[in-house]
Each structure stands twice: as structure tokens, then as C-alpha cells.
C-alpha atoms as a PDB file:
ATOM      1  CA  MET A   1      -2.991 -10.008  -2.454  1.00  0.00           C
ATOM      2  CA  LEU A   2      -4.987  -6.894  -1.654  1.00  0.00           C
ATOM      3  CA  SER A   3      -8.763  -7.268  -1.750  1.00  0.00           C
ATOM      4  CA  ASP A   4     -11.058  -4.860  -3.597  1.00  0.00           C
ATOM      5  CA  ASP A   5     -12.017  -3.279  -0.282  1.00  0.00           C
ATOM      6  CA  GLU A   6      -8.361  -2.817   0.620  1.00  0.00           C
ATOM      7  CA  LEU A   7      -7.586  -1.263  -2.745  1.00  0.00           C
ATOM      8  CA  LEU A   8     -10.336   1.278  -2.081  1.00  0.00           C
ATOM      9  CA  ARG A   9      -9.419   1.832   1.584  1.00  0.00           C
ATOM     10  CA  TYR A  10      -5.762   2.534   0.790  1.00  0.00           C
ATOM     11  CA  SER A  11      -6.327   4.169  -2.600  1.00  0.00           C
ATOM     12  CA  ARG A  12      -4.849   7.531  -1.573  1.00  0.00           C
ATOM     13  CA  GLN A  13      -1.572   5.828  -0.683  1.00  0.00           C
ATOM     14  CA  ILE A  14      -1.572   3.527  -3.692  1.00  0.00           C
ATOM     15  CA  LEU A  15      -1.937   6.580  -5.959  1.00  0.00           C
ATOM     16  CA  ILE A  16       1.540   7.753  -4.905  1.00  0.00           C
ATOM     17  CA  PRO A  17       3.830   6.534  -7.729  1.00  0.00           C
ATOM     18  CA  GLN A  18       6.773   5.465  -5.577  1.00  0.00           C
ATOM     19  CA  PHE A  19       4.451   3.714  -3.109  1.00  0.00           C
ATOM     20  CA  ASP A  20       1.897   2.018  -5.383  1.00  0.00           C
ATOM     21  CA  ILE A  21       0.401  -1.426  -4.726  1.00  0.00           C
ATOM     22  CA  ALA A  22       3.838  -2.866  -3.951  1.00  0.00           C
ATOM     23  CA  GLY A  23       4.280  -0.548  -0.978  1.00  0.00           C
ATOM     24  CA  GLN A  24       0.810  -1.304   0.316  1.00  0.00           C
ATOM     25  CA  GLN A  25       1.453  -5.032   0.033  1.00  0.00           C
ATOM     26  CA  LYS A  26       4.619  -4.646   2.114  1.00  0.00           C
ATOM     27  CA  LEU A  27       2.625  -2.853   4.811  1.00  0.00           C
ATOM     28  CA  LYS A  28       0.055  -5.652   4.796  1.00  0.00           C
ATOM     29  CA  GLU A  29       2.768  -8.266   5.272  1.00  0.00           C
ATOM     30  CA  ALA A  30       4.555  -6.354   8.058  1.00  0.00           C
ATOM     31  CA  ARG A  31       4.514  -7.193  11.756  1.00  0.00           C
ATOM     32  CA  VAL A  32       5.131  -4.121  13.923  1.00  0.00           C
ATOM     33  CA  MET A  33       5.587  -3.982  17.685  1.00  0.00           C
ATOM     34  CA  ILE A  34       4.848  -0.710  19.500  1.00  0.00           C
ATOM     35  CA  LEU A  35       6.256  -0.542  23.021  1.00  0.00           C
ATOM     36  CA  GLY A  36       4.209   2.012  24.924  1.00  0.00           C
ATOM     37  CA  SER A  37       0.552   2.948  24.386  1.00  0.00           C
ATOM     38  CA  GLY A  38       0.634   6.498  25.750  1.00  0.00           C
ATOM     39  CA  GLY A  39       1.197   9.904  24.201  1.00  0.00           C
ATOM     40  CA  LEU A  40       3.483   8.638  21.428  1.00  0.00           C
ATOM     41  CA  GLY A  41       2.001   5.167  21.114  1.00  0.00           C
ATOM     42  CA  CYS A  42      -1.523   6.445  20.445  1.00  0.00           C
ATOM     43  CA  PRO A  43      -0.784   8.381  17.205  1.00  0.00           C
ATOM     44  CA  VAL A  44       1.715   5.724  16.097  1.00  0.00           C
ATOM     45  CA  ALA A  45      -0.818   2.915  16.472  1.00  0.00           C
ATOM     46  CA  LEU A  46      -3.688   4.891  14.958  1.00  0.00           C
ATOM     47  CA  TYR A  47      -1.700   5.945  11.894  1.00  0.00           C
ATOM     48  CA  LEU A  48      -0.015   2.600  11.273  1.00  0.00           C
ATOM     49  CA  GLY A  49      -3.284   0.766  11.769  1.00  0.00           C
ATOM     50  CA  SER A  50      -5.215   3.050   9.441  1.00  0.00           C
ATOM     51  CA  ALA A  51      -2.374   2.900   6.894  1.00  0.00           C
ATOM     52  CA  GLY A  52      -2.716  -0.875   6.686  1.00  0.00           C
ATOM     53  CA  VAL A  53       0.137  -2.474   8.639  1.00  0.00           C
ATOM     54  CA  GLY A  54      -1.016  -6.087   8.692  1.00  0.00           C
ATOM     55  CA  GLN A  55      -0.129  -7.013  12.263  1.00  0.00           C
ATOM     56  CA  LEU A  56       0.309  -4.629  15.182  1.00  0.00           C
ATOM     57  CA  THR A  57       1.366  -5.678  18.669  1.00  0.00           C
ATOM     58  CA  LEU A  58       0.731  -3.036  21.351  1.00  0.00           C
ATOM     59  CA  VAL A  59       2.680  -3.526  24.573  1.00  0.00           C
ATOM     60  CA  ASP A  60       1.874  -1.613  27.776  1.00  0.00           C
ATOM     61  CA  ASP A  61       1.066  -2.722  31.332  1.00  0.00           C
ATOM     62  CA  ASP A  62      -0.399   0.649  32.415  1.00  0.00           C
ATOM     63  CA  GLN A  63      -4.012   1.725  32.971  1.00  0.00           C
ATOM     64  CA  ILE A  64      -5.754   4.844  31.670  1.00  0.00           C
ATOM     65  CA  GLU A  65      -5.782   7.787  34.092  1.00  0.00           C
ATOM     66  CA  LEU A  66      -7.536  11.141  33.930  1.00  0.00           C
ATOM     67  CA  ALA A  67      -4.227  13.004  33.445  1.00  0.00           C
ATOM     68  CA  ASN A  68      -3.543  10.894  30.304  1.00  0.00           C
ATOM     69  CA  LEU A  69      -6.543  12.270  28.399  1.00  0.00           C
ATOM     70  CA  GLN A  70      -4.891  15.655  27.749  1.00  0.00           C
ATOM     71  CA  ARG A  71      -2.610  14.080  25.115  1.00  0.00           C
ATOM     72  CA  GLN A  72      -3.278  10.336  24.713  1.00  0.00           C
ATOM     73  CA  ILE A  73      -5.799  10.680  21.913  1.00  0.00           C
ATOM     74  CA  GLY A  74      -6.708   7.007  21.629  1.00  0.00           C
ATOM     75  CA  PHE A  75      -8.675   7.044  24.888  1.00  0.00           C
ATOM     76  CA  GLN A  76     -11.897   8.459  26.320  1.00  0.00           C
ATOM     77  CA  GLN A  77     -13.037   9.308  29.844  1.00  0.00           C
ATOM     78  CA  SER A  78     -15.369   6.327  30.196  1.00  0.00           C
ATOM     79  CA  TRP A  79     -12.294   4.066  29.906  1.00  0.00           C
ATOM     80  CA  LEU A  80     -10.539   5.318  33.058  1.00  0.00           C
ATOM     81  CA  GLY A  81      -8.907   2.420  34.869  1.00  0.00           C
ATOM     82  CA  ASP A  82      -8.886   0.177  31.782  1.00  0.00           C
ATOM     83  CA  SER A  83      -5.797  -1.288  30.114  1.00  0.00           C
ATOM     84  CA  LYS A  84      -4.098   1.143  27.738  1.00  0.00           C
ATOM     85  CA  ALA A  85      -2.921  -1.597  25.390  1.00  0.00           C
ATOM     86  CA  GLU A  86      -6.313  -3.291  25.189  1.00  0.00           C
ATOM     87  CA  ARG A  87      -8.303  -0.100  24.717  1.00  0.00           C
ATOM     88  CA  LEU A  88      -5.913   1.263  22.089  1.00  0.00           C
ATOM     89  CA  ALA A  89      -6.065  -2.061  20.245  1.00  0.00           C
ATOM     90  CA  GLU A  90      -9.856  -1.830  20.349  1.00  0.00           C
ATOM     91  CA  ARG A  91      -9.725   1.686  18.894  1.00  0.00           C
ATOM     92  CA  VAL A  92      -7.411   0.652  16.052  1.00  0.00           C
ATOM     93  CA  ARG A  93      -9.567  -2.370  15.186  1.00  0.00           C
ATOM     94  CA  ALA A  94     -12.619  -0.101  15.029  1.00  0.00           C
ATOM     95  CA  ILE A  95     -10.831   2.098  12.479  1.00  0.00           C
ATOM     96  CA  ASN A  96      -9.482  -0.778  10.413  1.00  0.00           C
ATOM     97  CA  PRO A  97     -10.978  -4.261  10.834  1.00  0.00           C
ATOM     98  CA  GLU A  98      -8.802  -5.511   7.950  1.00  0.00           C
ATOM     99  CA  ILE A  99      -5.723  -5.850  10.181  1.00  0.00           C
ATOM    100  CA  THR A 100      -4.746  -7.906  13.237  1.00  0.00           C
ATOM    101  CA  VAL A 101      -4.085  -5.995  16.467  1.00  0.00           C
ATOM    102  CA  THR A 102      -2.779  -7.784  19.560  1.00  0.00           C
ATOM    103  CA  ALA A 103      -2.641  -6.198  23.011  1.00  0.00           C
ATOM    104  CA  VAL A 104       0.053  -7.291  25.470  1.00  0.00           C
ATOM    105  CA  ASN A 105      -1.052  -6.010  28.871  1.00  0.00           C
ATOM    106  CA  ARG A 106       2.072  -6.814  30.873  1.00  0.00           C
ATOM    107  CA  ARG A 107       5.568  -5.507  31.460  1.00  0.00           C
ATOM    108  CA  VAL A 108       7.967  -7.238  29.097  1.00  0.00           C
ATOM    109  CA  ASP A 109      11.690  -7.735  29.612  1.00  0.00           C
ATOM    110  CA  GLY A 110      14.404 -10.337  29.200  1.00  0.00           C
ATOM    111  CA  ASP A 111      13.500 -13.320  27.027  1.00  0.00           C
ATOM    112  CA  ASP A 112       9.886 -12.131  26.774  1.00  0.00           C
ATOM    113  CA  LEU A 113      10.957  -8.844  25.192  1.00  0.00           C
ATOM    114  CA  GLN A 114      13.507 -10.555  22.963  1.00  0.00           C
ATOM    115  CA  GLN A 115      10.874 -12.971  21.658  1.00  0.00           C
ATOM    116  CA  LEU A 116       8.433 -10.174  20.790  1.00  0.00           C
ATOM    117  CA  VAL A 117      11.124  -8.167  19.007  1.00  0.00           C
ATOM    118  CA  SER A 118      12.418 -11.168  17.064  1.00  0.00           C
ATOM    119  CA  GLU A 119       8.903 -11.807  15.706  1.00  0.00           C
ATOM    120  CA  ALA A 120       8.584  -8.229  14.402  1.00  0.00           C
ATOM    121  CA  THR A 121       9.486  -6.622  11.093  1.00  0.00           C
ATOM    122  CA  LEU A 122      10.092  -3.355  12.943  1.00  0.00           C
ATOM    123  CA  VAL A 123       9.737  -2.013  16.491  1.00  0.00           C
ATOM    124  CA  LEU A 124       8.878   1.445  17.788  1.00  0.00           C
ATOM    125  CA  ASP A 125      10.000   2.885  21.104  1.00  0.00           C
ATOM    126  CA  CYS A 126       7.136   4.964  22.492  1.00  0.00           C
ATOM    127  CA  THR A 127       8.158   4.648  26.134  1.00  0.00           C
ATOM    128  CA  ASP A 128       9.216   7.272  28.649  1.00  0.00           C
ATOM    129  CA  ASN A 129      12.087   5.716  30.618  1.00  0.00           C
ATOM    130  CA  PHE A 130      15.716   4.969  29.850  1.00  0.00           C
ATOM    131  CA  ASN A 131      15.841   1.436  31.258  1.00  0.00           C
ATOM    132  CA  THR A 132      13.146   0.265  28.865  1.00  0.00           C
ATOM    133  CA  ARG A 133      14.737   2.100  25.943  1.00  0.00           C
ATOM    134  CA  PHE A 134      18.107   0.478  26.572  1.00  0.00           C
ATOM    135  CA  ALA A 135      16.516  -2.966  26.900  1.00  0.00           C
ATOM    136  CA  LEU A 136      14.567  -2.499  23.669  1.00  0.00           C
ATOM    137  CA  ASN A 137      17.711  -1.305  21.895  1.00  0.00           C
ATOM    138  CA  ARG A 138      19.638  -4.410  22.985  1.00  0.00           C
ATOM    139  CA  ALA A 139      16.809  -6.647  21.798  1.00  0.00           C
ATOM    140  CA  SER A 140      16.639  -4.776  18.490  1.00  0.00           C
ATOM    141  CA  VAL A 141      20.365  -5.202  17.853  1.00  0.00           C
ATOM    142  CA  ALA A 142      20.317  -8.870  18.867  1.00  0.00           C
ATOM    143  CA  ALA A 143      17.385  -9.639  16.558  1.00  0.00           C
ATOM    144  CA  GLY A 144      18.558  -7.440  13.674  1.00  0.00           C
ATOM    145  CA  VAL A 145      15.237  -5.578  13.708  1.00  0.00           C
ATOM    146  CA  PRO A 146      15.130  -1.812  13.001  1.00  0.00           C
ATOM    147  CA  LEU A 147      14.049   0.484  15.818  1.00  0.00           C
ATOM    148  CA  VAL A 148      12.236   3.817  15.455  1.00  0.00           C
ATOM    149  CA  SER A 149      12.804   5.815  18.629  1.00  0.00           C
ATOM    150  CA  GLY A 150      10.888   8.891  19.742  1.00  0.00           C
ATOM    151  CA  ALA A 151      10.768  11.030  22.866  1.00  0.00           C
ATOM    152  CA  ALA A 152       8.826  14.119  23.953  1.00  0.00           C
ATOM    153  CA  ILE A 153       8.838  16.251  27.081  1.00  0.00           C
ATOM    154  CA  ARG A 154       7.791  19.822  27.923  1.00  0.00           C
ATOM    155  CA  GLY A 155       7.871  21.415  24.445  1.00  0.00           C
ATOM    156  CA  GLU A 156      10.784  19.453  23.021  1.00  0.00           C
ATOM    157  CA  GLY A 157      10.936  16.193  21.101  1.00  0.00           C
ATOM    158  CA  GLN A 158      13.342  14.017  19.193  1.00  0.00           C
ATOM    159  CA  ILE A 159      13.262  11.107  16.773  1.00  0.00           C
ATOM    160  CA  SER A 160      15.793   8.815  15.136  1.00  0.00           C
ATOM    161  CA  VAL A 161      16.024   5.406  13.465  1.00  0.00           C
ATOM    162  CA  TYR A 162      18.494   2.705  14.513  1.00  0.00           C
ATOM    163  CA  ASP A 163      18.828  -0.058  11.935  1.00  0.00           C
ATOM    164  CA  PRO A 164      21.115  -2.977  12.866  1.00  0.00           C
ATOM    165  CA  ARG A 165      20.790  -4.317   9.309  1.00  0.00           C
ATOM    166  CA  ASN A 166      22.895  -1.347   8.211  1.00  0.00           C
ATOM    167  CA  PRO A 167      26.556  -1.779   9.260  1.00  0.00           C
ATOM    168  CA  GLU A 168      26.981   2.016   9.391  1.00  0.00           C
ATOM    169  CA  SER A 169      23.985   2.615  11.649  1.00  0.00           C
ATOM    170  CA  PRO A 170      24.580   3.595  15.280  1.00  0.00           C
ATOM    171  CA  CYS A 171      22.320   2.169  17.968  1.00  0.00           C
ATOM    172  CA  TYR A 172      20.577   3.979  20.823  1.00  0.00           C
ATOM    173  CA  HIS A 173      23.483   3.158  23.139  1.00  0.00           C
ATOM    174  CA  CYS A 174      25.896   4.955  20.787  1.00  0.00           C
ATOM    175  CA  LEU A 175      23.971   8.151  21.560  1.00  0.00           C
ATOM    176  CA  TYR A 176      23.287   7.705  25.275  1.00  0.00           C
ATOM    177  CA  GLU A 177      25.408   6.111  27.956  1.00  0.00           C
ATOM    178  CA  GLU A 178      23.479   3.588  29.992  1.00  0.00           C
ATOM    179  CA  GLN A 179      24.959   4.815  33.255  1.00  0.00           C
ATOM    180  CA  GLY A 180      24.149   8.224  34.671  1.00  0.00           C
ATOM    181  CA  ASN A 181      20.843   8.883  32.871  1.00  0.00           C
ATOM    182  CA  GLU A 182      17.983   9.908  35.110  1.00  0.00           C
ATOM    183  CA  ASP A 183      14.401   9.442  34.023  1.00  0.00           C
ATOM    184  CA  LEU A 184      12.407  12.621  33.693  1.00  0.00           C
ATOM    185  CA  THR A 185       8.820  11.790  32.830  1.00  0.00           C
ATOM    186  CA  CYS A 186       5.891  13.872  31.661  1.00  0.00           C
ATOM    187  CA  SER A 187       4.299  13.514  35.088  1.00  0.00           C
ATOM    188  CA  GLU A 188       7.334  15.272  36.574  1.00  0.00           C
ATOM    189  CA  ALA A 189       8.247  17.821  33.899  1.00  0.00           C
ATOM    190  CA  GLY A 190       5.025  18.224  31.901  1.00  0.00           C
ATOM    191  CA  VAL A 191       4.376  18.044  28.173  1.00  0.00           C
ATOM    192  CA  ILE A 192       2.280  20.090  25.752  1.00  0.00           C
ATOM    193  CA  ALA A 193      -0.378  17.943  24.111  1.00  0.00           C
ATOM    194  CA  PRO A 194       0.250  18.390  20.346  1.00  0.00           C
ATOM    195  CA  LEU A 195       3.981  17.669  20.743  1.00  0.00           C
ATOM    196  CA  VAL A 196       3.468  13.937  21.248  1.00  0.00           C
ATOM    197  CA  GLY A 197       1.237  13.917  18.178  1.00  0.00           C
ATOM    198  CA  MET A 198       3.950  15.551  16.106  1.00  0.00           C
ATOM    199  CA  ILE A 199       6.688  13.154  17.228  1.00  0.00           C
ATOM    200  CA  GLY A 200       4.392  10.116  17.090  1.00  0.00           C
ATOM    201  CA  SER A 201       3.271  11.000  13.561  1.00  0.00           C
ATOM    202  CA  ALA A 202       6.908  11.344  12.512  1.00  0.00           C
ATOM    203  CA  GLN A 203       7.641   7.916  14.001  1.00  0.00           C
ATOM    204  CA  ALA A 204       4.757   6.416  12.031  1.00  0.00           C
ATOM    205  CA  MET A 205       6.091   8.011   8.848  1.00  0.00           C
ATOM    206  CA  GLU A 206       9.566   6.597   9.438  1.00  0.00           C
ATOM    207  CA  ALA A 207       8.064   3.160  10.056  1.00  0.00           C
ATOM    208  CA  ILE A 208       6.133   3.265   6.773  1.00  0.00           C
ATOM    209  CA  LYS A 209       9.267   4.376   4.894  1.00  0.00           C
ATOM    210  CA  LEU A 210      11.299   1.518   6.358  1.00  0.00           C
ATOM    211  CA  ILE A 211       8.653  -1.116   5.657  1.00  0.00           C
ATOM    212  CA  ALA A 212       7.891   0.078   2.117  1.00  0.00           C
ATOM    213  CA  GLU A 213      11.588   0.781   1.430  1.00  0.00           C
ATOM    214  CA  ILE A 214      10.853   4.288   0.180  1.00  0.00           C
ATOM    215  CA  GLY A 215      12.672   7.536   0.875  1.00  0.00           C
ATOM    216  CA  THR A 216      15.596   8.117   3.219  1.00  0.00           C
ATOM    217  CA  PRO A 217      15.103   6.953   6.818  1.00  0.00           C
ATOM    218  CA  LEU A 218      16.562   8.812   9.793  1.00  0.00           C
ATOM    219  CA  VAL A 219      19.479   6.409  10.170  1.00  0.00           C
ATOM    220  CA  GLY A 220      22.512   8.221  11.529  1.00  0.00           C
ATOM    221  CA  ARG A 221      20.456  11.375  12.058  1.00  0.00           C
ATOM    222  CA  LEU A 222      18.707  12.723  15.136  1.00  0.00           C
ATOM    223  CA  LEU A 223      15.923  15.254  14.592  1.00  0.00           C
ATOM    224  CA  ILE A 224      15.264  17.582  17.528  1.00  0.00           C
ATOM    225  CA  LEU A 225      12.102  19.678  17.681  1.00  0.00           C
ATOM    226  CA  ASP A 226      11.631  22.882  19.658  1.00  0.00           C
ATOM    227  CA  ALA A 227       7.859  23.175  19.396  1.00  0.00           C
ATOM    228  CA  TRP A 228       7.741  26.589  21.080  1.00  0.00           C
ATOM    229  CA  GLN A 229       9.857  28.068  18.282  1.00  0.00           C
ATOM    230  CA  MET A 230       8.649  25.491  15.699  1.00  0.00           C
ATOM    231  CA  GLN A 231      12.218  24.729  14.747  1.00  0.00           C
ATOM    232  CA  TRP A 232      13.749  21.393  13.776  1.00  0.00           C
ATOM    233  CA  ARG A 233      17.472  20.761  14.178  1.00  0.00           C
ATOM    234  CA  GLU A 234      19.366  17.804  12.788  1.00  0.00           C
ATOM    235  CA  MET A 235      22.376  16.150  14.380  1.00  0.00           C
ATOM    236  CA  LYS A 236      24.547  13.588  12.626  1.00  0.00           C
ATOM    237  CA  LEU A 237      25.067  10.403  14.612  1.00  0.00           C
ATOM    238  CA  LEU A 238      28.068   8.138  14.163  1.00  0.00           C
ATOM    239  CA  LYS A 239      28.394   4.512  15.162  1.00  0.00           C
ATOM    240  CA  ASP A 240      30.544   4.135  18.281  1.00  0.00           C
ATOM    241  CA  PRO A 241      33.319   1.632  17.425  1.00  0.00           C
ATOM    242  CA  ASP A 242      33.546   0.767  21.129  1.00  0.00           C
ATOM    243  CA  CYS A 243      29.801   0.450  21.733  1.00  0.00           C
ATOM    244  CA  PRO A 244      29.192  -2.583  23.974  1.00  0.00           C
ATOM    245  CA  VAL A 245      25.864  -3.252  22.269  1.00  0.00           C
ATOM    246  CA  CYS A 246      26.269  -2.893  18.494  1.00  0.00           C
ATOM    247  CA  SER A 247      30.048  -3.120  17.978  1.00  0.00           C
ATOM    248  CA  VAL A 248      30.733  -6.448  19.671  1.00  0.00           C
END
């Protein structure tokens, strides 16, 4: 049950009729894995931690660099060279000591990745390369754990939800072919700072909706943001009946 301190801490959420104490209790009981502790992972972790997700696992094997500070709002200059996952976990714990935050400071793949995903209520893709996204998608489908996927580059971003519990939901592989994709990272193409905050915040919102079972998640829909024009477009996504990942 929620303590008196938790009832006060989360009172602004609990006041929302469709959320109420039941929604907050679901957040407290949730276990969320965030893969990537950079531009997207920072706002996702900060918002989900402050909102009261009971257990967060932050996965990233990278270290903080000076060029990260322009957009990765969980870090400060005195932390240059430190682990992103560990420092972001420290920041989230400082905001909300009521929750458990675990840092995984290593590259995860194969059985290691599958184990982490299978232990989660929900996973969020906050990475910046296709190989990792495809691997996380396969693990999500295999474990039957919903995946909230976000991406941001230059002044453009996108977000969608892939939920293998829903037989009508496509997976990430239904949208992108695994062969022929070339990584284009922020270090190569650039990214405007607030964009990752906008996409990361939207990912956090989708995660809360899924956990609390409120609203309509972005299953079967891809939102695309042109931040320069401040325009959102929506594309309908269909499950690929021949998808080698989710239709086998």
C-alpha cells in the first residue's frame, strides 16, 4: 500500500479521477527497464522516477562526455568520464528515494538482454542504433513485454508502442527491415537539445498509460514530429503477417 508520504508526494497524480490511487499503486508495483541513458533516457528516467515507478533499471555502458551536456539533462560537468547509467540512477534516487533504481553499466545482448527484459513490466528503447533496437524488439516479443520506442535526430523525432500482448500490434521489425538500415547518430547528424526532451517525455507518458492501463496507447500508430515546424504527423502501422519476429 502507499504510505502517507507517498500519498502526499504523488497527490497531483492521484487527484486525476481516472488515475486515482489504483493507478499510483500500479506504478509502484511496476518494473521498468530503460535501455539507453542519453538524450532520451534522461527525461524518461527522471519523469518515471519522479512519477513513482517502483523499480527502474537503467542500462548503458557509455561514459559522460562534454558534448552530451547540451541535451542529456541528467548530468553535470563535474561528472565527465563517469558512467551514464550510474550517474543517472544517482540523480533519480536523489529526486525520489521512495523507489529502487538499478544501474547496469555494461553492454547487454543475447541471454543477458533477454533476462533483463523478461523481468520487466515494460521496456523503453532510448538507444541510437538499429542493431540494439532490433535486438530489444526481439527480446520484447519473446518475453511478451510491451516496448515504447523513441528516436530523435536533427529536428525530427518519432515514437510508437509495440505491445506483443496485443495480437493486432505490429512490432518494430514490421516497420523497419533489419537489413539495409544504416545508423545515423547524433554525433554524425546533430540534434537540437529540446527535441530529445519532447520525445523522451512522450515516451514516459506512454509508459505511464500502459502501466496504469489508462487512455489509448500508441499501438499501431507512429507519431512523427517536425520540431522546426512544430507539427506532429500520425501514421497507421499494420502488423506484417510475414514478419519473422512477431508472426512466427
